């Protein structure tokens, strides 16, 4: 059971990384296209990514199997 929860927390952490990466890609693409870089989905992806990242870090800390 602990290993399953640990793997779930790793998945949540990587979902956070994915959303933060999508935010960075959106920022760079909008800057390349000479549009306002912080408009669009950049801040939305960043907010969702940070929430998932912080939740994932907390879950990894709680369910780390080698204490």
C-alpha atoms as a PDB file:
ATOM      1  CA  UNK A   1       0.000   0.000   0.000  1.00  0.00           C
ATOM      2  CA  UNK A   2       2.804   2.411   0.861  1.00  0.00           C
ATOM      3  CA  UNK A   3       4.553   1.801  -2.452  1.00  0.00           C
ATOM      4  CA  UNK A   4       1.328   2.501  -4.331  1.00  0.00           C
ATOM      5  CA  UNK A   5       0.859   5.805  -2.531  1.00  0.00           C
ATOM      6  CA  UNK A   6       4.500   6.672  -3.147  1.00  0.00           C
ATOM      7  CA  UNK A   7       4.126   5.980  -6.874  1.00  0.00           C
ATOM      8  CA  UNK A   8       0.949   8.069  -6.936  1.00  0.00           C
ATOM      9  CA  UNK A   9       2.827  10.949  -5.301  1.00  0.00           C
ATOM     10  CA  UNK A  10       5.610  10.655  -7.905  1.00  0.00           C
ATOM     11  CA  UNK A  11       2.961  10.841 -10.647  1.00  0.00           C
ATOM     12  CA  UNK A  12       1.454  13.969  -9.056  1.00  0.00           C
ATOM     13  CA  UNK A  13       4.928  15.513  -8.864  1.00  0.00           C
ATOM     14  CA  UNK A  14       5.593  14.842 -12.552  1.00  0.00           C
ATOM     15  CA  UNK A  15       2.180  16.263 -13.497  1.00  0.00           C
ATOM     16  CA  UNK A  16       3.326  19.454 -11.776  1.00  0.00           C
ATOM     17  CA  UNK A  17       6.557  19.382 -13.798  1.00  0.00           C
ATOM     18  CA  UNK A  18       4.517  18.864 -16.973  1.00  0.00           C
ATOM     19  CA  UNK A  19       2.258  21.861 -16.334  1.00  0.00           C
ATOM     20  CA  UNK A  20       5.203  24.100 -15.437  1.00  0.00           C
ATOM     21  CA  UNK A  21       6.924  23.000 -18.643  1.00  0.00           C
ATOM     22  CA  UNK A  22       3.800  23.797 -20.639  1.00  0.00           C
ATOM     23  CA  UNK A  23       3.757  27.225 -18.992  1.00  0.00           C
ATOM     24  CA  UNK A  24       7.350  27.829 -20.039  1.00  0.00           C
ATOM     25  CA  UNK A  25       6.631  26.679 -23.584  1.00  0.00           C
ATOM     26  CA  UNK A  26       3.567  28.925 -23.765  1.00  0.00           C
ATOM     27  CA  UNK A  27       5.585  31.888 -22.496  1.00  0.00           C
ATOM     28  CA  UNK A  28       8.368  31.346 -25.023  1.00  0.00           C
ATOM     29  CA  UNK A  29       5.959  30.762 -27.911  1.00  0.00           C
ATOM     30  CA  UNK A  30       3.970  33.913 -27.161  1.00  0.00           C
ATOM     31  CA  UNK A  31       7.175  35.954 -26.811  1.00  0.00           C
ATOM     32  CA  UNK A  32       8.415  34.531 -30.136  1.00  0.00           C
ATOM     33  CA  UNK A  33       5.153  35.531 -31.817  1.00  0.00           C
ATOM     34  CA  UNK A  34       5.411  39.111 -30.408  1.00  0.00           C
ATOM     35  CA  UNK A  35       2.289  38.728 -28.309  1.00  0.00           C
ATOM     36  CA  UNK A  36       2.077  39.641 -24.610  1.00  0.00           C
ATOM     37  CA  UNK A  37       3.950  36.717 -23.088  1.00  0.00           C
ATOM     38  CA  UNK A  38       2.107  36.576 -19.750  1.00  0.00           C
ATOM     39  CA  UNK A  39      -1.351  36.559 -21.312  1.00  0.00           C
ATOM     40  CA  UNK A  40      -3.069  33.443 -22.558  1.00  0.00           C
ATOM     41  CA  UNK A  41      -2.614  30.169 -20.695  1.00  0.00           C
ATOM     42  CA  UNK A  42       0.830  30.919 -19.254  1.00  0.00           C
ATOM     43  CA  UNK A  43      -0.296  31.932 -15.778  1.00  0.00           C
ATOM     44  CA  UNK A  44      -2.993  29.252 -15.669  1.00  0.00           C
ATOM     45  CA  UNK A  45      -0.480  26.507 -16.474  1.00  0.00           C
ATOM     46  CA  UNK A  46       1.974  27.960 -13.959  1.00  0.00           C
ATOM     47  CA  UNK A  47      -0.614  28.090 -11.162  1.00  0.00           C
ATOM     48  CA  UNK A  48      -1.824  24.546 -11.795  1.00  0.00           C
ATOM     49  CA  UNK A  49       1.768  23.319 -12.077  1.00  0.00           C
ATOM     50  CA  UNK A  50       2.820  24.914  -8.810  1.00  0.00           C
ATOM     51  CA  UNK A  51      -0.156  23.439  -6.964  1.00  0.00           C
ATOM     52  CA  UNK A  52       0.556  19.935  -8.281  1.00  0.00           C
ATOM     53  CA  UNK A  53       4.287  20.352  -7.630  1.00  0.00           C
ATOM     54  CA  UNK A  54       3.801  21.394  -3.997  1.00  0.00           C
ATOM     55  CA  UNK A  55       1.244  18.645  -3.418  1.00  0.00           C
ATOM     56  CA  UNK A  56       3.582  16.108  -5.011  1.00  0.00           C
ATOM     57  CA  UNK A  57       6.512  17.202  -2.857  1.00  0.00           C
ATOM     58  CA  UNK A  58       4.425  16.926   0.290  1.00  0.00           C
ATOM     59  CA  UNK A  59       3.138  13.491  -0.695  1.00  0.00           C
ATOM     60  CA  UNK A  60       6.615  12.224  -1.561  1.00  0.00           C
ATOM     61  CA  UNK A  61       7.829  13.429   1.826  1.00  0.00           C
ATOM     62  CA  UNK A  62       4.946  11.694   3.621  1.00  0.00           C
ATOM     63  CA  UNK A  63       5.069   8.376   1.737  1.00  0.00           C
ATOM     64  CA  UNK A  64       8.823   7.980   1.169  1.00  0.00           C
ATOM     65  CA  UNK A  65       9.434   4.277   1.914  1.00  0.00           C
ATOM     66  CA  UNK A  66      13.041   4.484   3.182  1.00  0.00           C
ATOM     67  CA  UNK A  67      12.806   6.493   6.404  1.00  0.00           C
END
